[in-house]
Protein backbone atom coordinates (compact mmCIF):
# COMPACT_ATOMS: atom_id res chain seq x y z
CA ALA A 1 -14.27 77.60 -49.90
CA GLU A 2 -11.97 80.38 -48.92
CA THR A 3 -11.77 81.83 -45.43
CA ALA A 4 -10.52 85.28 -44.26
CA ARG A 5 -10.82 87.16 -40.96
CA ARG A 6 -12.85 90.29 -41.24
CA SER A 7 -12.65 91.56 -37.66
CA ARG A 8 -12.26 90.12 -34.14
CA GLY A 9 -14.82 87.39 -33.74
CA GLU A 10 -15.88 87.50 -37.42
CA TRP A 11 -14.84 85.42 -40.47
CA VAL A 12 -15.74 85.75 -44.01
CA VAL A 13 -16.20 82.45 -45.89
CA SER A 14 -16.57 82.45 -49.77
CA ILE A 15 -18.81 79.53 -50.70
CA PRO A 16 -19.00 78.52 -54.38
CA LEU A 17 -22.62 77.92 -55.37
CA PHE A 18 -23.70 77.05 -59.00
CA ASP A 19 -23.30 78.83 -62.29
CA GLY A 20 -20.24 80.75 -61.12
CA VAL A 21 -22.07 82.32 -58.22
CA VAL A 22 -20.12 82.79 -54.93
CA ALA A 23 -21.76 83.47 -51.58
CA HIS A 24 -19.75 85.52 -49.17
CA ALA A 25 -20.85 84.62 -45.70
CA VAL A 26 -19.95 86.53 -42.54
CA LEU A 27 -19.78 84.12 -39.60
CA GLN A 28 -20.70 86.05 -36.40
CA ARG A 29 -21.53 83.66 -33.57
CA ASP A 30 -20.44 80.40 -32.21
CA GLU A 31 -23.76 78.51 -31.68
CA LEU A 32 -22.36 75.38 -30.13
CA ALA A 33 -18.74 74.87 -29.19
CA THR A 34 -17.41 71.38 -28.20
CA GLU A 35 -14.00 69.83 -27.72
CA THR A 36 -14.06 68.65 -31.32
CA GLY A 37 -15.91 71.33 -33.24
CA ALA A 38 -18.35 74.23 -33.41
CA THR A 39 -21.34 75.59 -35.25
CA TRP A 40 -21.36 79.16 -36.65
CA SER A 41 -24.19 81.35 -37.90
CA GLY A 42 -24.03 84.35 -40.04
CA TYR A 43 -25.30 86.36 -42.93
CA LEU A 44 -24.52 86.81 -46.61
CA LEU A 45 -22.70 90.07 -47.70
CA ASP A 46 -24.37 90.09 -51.11
CA ASP A 47 -27.89 89.15 -50.03
CA ALA A 48 -29.64 91.09 -47.31
CA SER A 49 -32.07 88.27 -46.71
CA GLY A 50 -29.44 85.47 -46.83
CA SER A 51 -28.22 83.44 -43.90
CA VAL A 52 -25.85 80.53 -43.23
CA LEU A 53 -25.20 77.82 -40.61
CA LEU A 54 -22.06 75.86 -40.68
CA SER A 55 -21.07 73.00 -38.42
CA VAL A 56 -17.47 71.73 -38.30
CA VAL A 57 -16.27 68.53 -36.51
CA GLY A 58 -12.73 67.54 -37.22
CA GLU A 59 -12.40 67.93 -40.99
CA GLN A 60 -16.05 67.32 -41.77
CA VAL A 61 -18.39 70.30 -42.61
CA VAL A 62 -22.19 70.24 -42.64
CA GLY A 63 -24.10 73.37 -43.47
CA ARG A 64 -27.07 75.22 -44.84
CA VAL A 65 -27.19 78.31 -47.00
CA TRP A 66 -30.33 80.41 -47.73
CA THR A 67 -30.42 83.08 -50.32
CA ALA A 68 -33.32 85.16 -51.45
CA SER A 69 -34.32 82.61 -54.10
CA ALA A 70 -32.66 79.33 -53.13
CA GLU A 71 -31.66 76.95 -50.44
CA TYR A 72 -28.49 74.78 -50.27
CA ARG A 73 -27.01 72.07 -48.20
CA ILE A 74 -23.31 71.28 -47.69
CA GLU A 75 -22.76 67.59 -47.13
CA PHE A 76 -19.68 65.40 -46.47
CA ALA A 77 -18.96 63.20 -49.56
CA GLY A 78 -16.12 61.15 -48.22
CA ASP A 79 -12.36 61.11 -48.85
CA GLY A 80 -12.05 64.71 -47.64
CA GLN A 81 -14.53 65.97 -50.21
CA HIS A 82 -17.82 67.83 -49.69
CA ARG A 83 -20.67 68.49 -52.02
CA LEU A 84 -23.19 71.30 -52.46
CA VAL A 85 -26.83 70.29 -52.96
CA GLU A 86 -29.54 72.70 -54.02
CA THR A 87 -32.95 72.12 -52.64
CA ASP A 88 -35.81 72.07 -55.16
CA LEU A 89 -38.19 74.47 -53.43
CA ARG A 90 -40.92 73.53 -55.97
CA THR A 91 -41.28 70.20 -54.24
CA GLN A 92 -41.84 71.84 -50.76
CA PRO A 93 -45.55 72.08 -49.70
CA GLU A 94 -47.16 75.44 -49.47
CA GLU A 95 -46.95 77.06 -46.15
CA LEU A 96 -50.23 77.28 -44.29
CA ALA A 97 -51.62 80.44 -42.77
CA PRO A 98 -50.67 81.08 -39.17
CA LEU A 99 -53.13 79.71 -36.60
CA ARG A 100 -54.56 82.15 -34.02
CA VAL A 101 -54.28 80.63 -30.57
CA GLU A 102 -56.25 82.05 -27.70
CA LEU A 103 -54.17 81.62 -24.48
CA PRO A 104 -55.70 81.59 -21.02
CA LYS A 105 -54.84 84.52 -18.75
CA VAL A 106 -52.29 83.80 -16.05
CA ASP A 107 -50.89 85.73 -13.13
CA ARG A 108 -47.40 87.23 -13.35
CA ARG A 109 -45.84 84.67 -11.04
CA SER A 110 -47.20 81.77 -13.13
CA ALA A 111 -46.03 83.47 -16.35
CA ALA A 112 -42.51 84.02 -14.88
CA ALA A 113 -42.38 80.39 -13.88
CA GLN A 114 -43.41 79.26 -17.41
CA ASN A 115 -40.80 81.57 -18.89
CA ALA A 116 -38.09 80.15 -16.63
CA VAL A 117 -38.98 76.67 -17.80
CA GLY A 118 -38.77 77.78 -21.39
CA GLU A 119 -35.36 79.34 -20.83
CA SER A 120 -34.03 76.25 -19.39
CA GLY A 121 -34.26 74.52 -22.74
CA ILE A 122 -34.68 70.86 -23.78
CA ASP A 123 -31.90 68.34 -23.42
CA VAL A 124 -31.85 65.81 -26.24
CA LEU A 125 -29.91 62.63 -26.70
CA VAL A 126 -29.34 61.63 -30.31
CA GLY A 127 -28.90 57.98 -31.37
CA TYR A 128 -27.89 56.92 -34.89
CA THR A 129 -28.12 53.53 -36.50
CA PRO A 130 -25.44 51.85 -38.75
CA GLU A 131 -27.47 52.91 -41.76
CA ALA A 132 -27.48 56.54 -40.70
CA LEU A 133 -23.71 56.43 -40.00
CA ALA A 134 -23.14 54.95 -43.43
CA GLY A 135 -25.15 57.78 -45.03
CA ALA A 136 -23.31 60.46 -43.08
CA GLY A 137 -19.86 59.02 -44.03
CA ASN A 138 -18.20 58.75 -40.59
CA ARG A 139 -18.70 59.57 -36.91
CA SER A 140 -17.40 63.17 -37.22
CA ALA A 141 -19.68 63.83 -40.12
CA MET A 142 -22.65 62.43 -38.06
CA GLN A 143 -21.77 64.68 -35.15
CA ALA A 144 -21.52 67.67 -37.53
CA GLU A 145 -24.95 66.76 -39.07
CA VAL A 146 -26.54 66.59 -35.60
CA ALA A 147 -24.94 69.83 -34.49
CA ASN A 148 -26.28 71.55 -37.61
CA MET A 149 -29.74 70.20 -37.17
CA VAL A 150 -29.89 71.48 -33.58
CA ALA A 151 -28.45 74.83 -34.51
CA TRP A 152 -31.14 75.09 -37.27
CA ALA A 153 -33.84 74.28 -34.69
CA ASN A 154 -32.53 76.96 -32.30
CA TYR A 155 -32.11 79.40 -35.19
CA SER A 156 -35.80 78.90 -36.00
CA LEU A 157 -36.83 79.25 -32.38
CA ARG A 158 -34.91 82.42 -31.98
CA ASN A 159 -36.29 84.01 -35.17
CA SER A 160 -39.84 83.02 -34.07
CA GLY A 161 -39.38 84.86 -30.71
CA ILE A 162 -39.67 81.64 -28.71
CA SER A 163 -37.55 81.43 -25.58
CA GLY A 164 -35.48 78.43 -24.72
CA ARG A 165 -33.17 76.33 -26.79
CA ILE A 166 -32.37 72.72 -27.52
CA ARG A 167 -29.13 71.26 -26.12
CA THR A 168 -27.49 68.06 -27.21
CA VAL A 169 -26.36 65.93 -24.25
CA GLY A 170 -24.93 63.15 -26.45
CA VAL A 171 -24.62 61.57 -29.92
CA ILE A 172 -24.38 57.77 -29.57
CA PRO A 173 -24.52 54.71 -31.84
CA VAL A 174 -27.58 52.42 -31.68
CA GLU A 175 -27.15 48.85 -32.86
CA GLY A 176 -29.87 47.17 -35.08
CA THR A 177 -31.58 47.90 -38.28
CA GLU A 178 -34.00 50.75 -39.01
CA ILE A 179 -37.67 50.22 -39.68
CA GLN A 180 -37.74 51.48 -43.25
CA ASP A 181 -40.64 53.63 -44.37
CA ASP A 182 -42.53 53.44 -41.09
CA LEU A 183 -41.80 56.29 -38.85
CA TYR A 184 -44.76 55.43 -36.49
CA ALA A 185 -43.37 51.95 -35.85
CA SER A 186 -39.90 53.43 -35.19
CA LEU A 187 -41.39 56.01 -32.81
CA GLU A 188 -43.28 53.31 -30.93
CA GLN A 189 -40.15 51.19 -30.69
CA LEU A 190 -38.32 54.21 -29.27
CA ARG A 191 -41.00 55.08 -26.78
CA GLY A 192 -41.34 51.51 -25.55
CA GLY A 193 -37.57 50.94 -25.34
CA ALA A 194 -38.10 47.86 -27.48
CA GLY A 195 -35.42 45.96 -29.59
CA PRO A 196 -32.15 47.81 -29.93
CA MET A 197 -33.77 50.92 -28.56
CA TYR A 198 -33.74 49.78 -24.99
CA LEU A 199 -30.06 50.85 -24.54
CA LEU A 200 -30.92 54.27 -25.98
CA ASP A 201 -33.90 54.58 -23.56
CA MET A 202 -31.63 53.66 -20.64
CA GLU A 203 -28.92 56.09 -21.65
CA ARG A 204 -31.50 58.88 -22.16
CA SER A 205 -32.82 58.27 -18.64
CA SER A 206 -29.38 58.27 -17.18
CA ARG A 207 -28.48 61.65 -18.89
CA GLY A 208 -31.83 63.25 -18.09
CA ALA A 209 -32.72 63.92 -21.71
């Protein structure tokens, strides 16, 4: 990828896609700045409906690129290399029609209080297993992956008109093996603080996540 400054606070990044296509992304906003990296969001110059999220920690980059007809992921591939992966949108389930929700009437003071709670956001502690670390490549790539997922969630919340945001209070290793192909068992283990998850549960409590 090639990078050039467009104006103060904006950068243009040229991202090679497939079949000789190059996406020119204008990065506008720093979503999450840390001591080691940041996440930037922006739009595509050549695609009015396109958008991009790039997370950088150290020399590792993780990102997502959306065009009018495709979706791509940028992943760390090891040895200073990165790869571009196109999502096969045909494998995605069809989107259901929006549900109409009837909300109870509340007074203004109650509504203001609820809005204040929403603006305060949700603090999240992320734990990763040795298997997850091996899949990411290294610790910096794991941090970039988490930063990009959180930015994606906040991007979706903002576009949906939902107040509040998700904040990451830590990204820490968790010893032990994953429970493969059983998300319910993993969730119950996490909720109960069982096995290797008890340290994660203790850390979550201490950080108020």
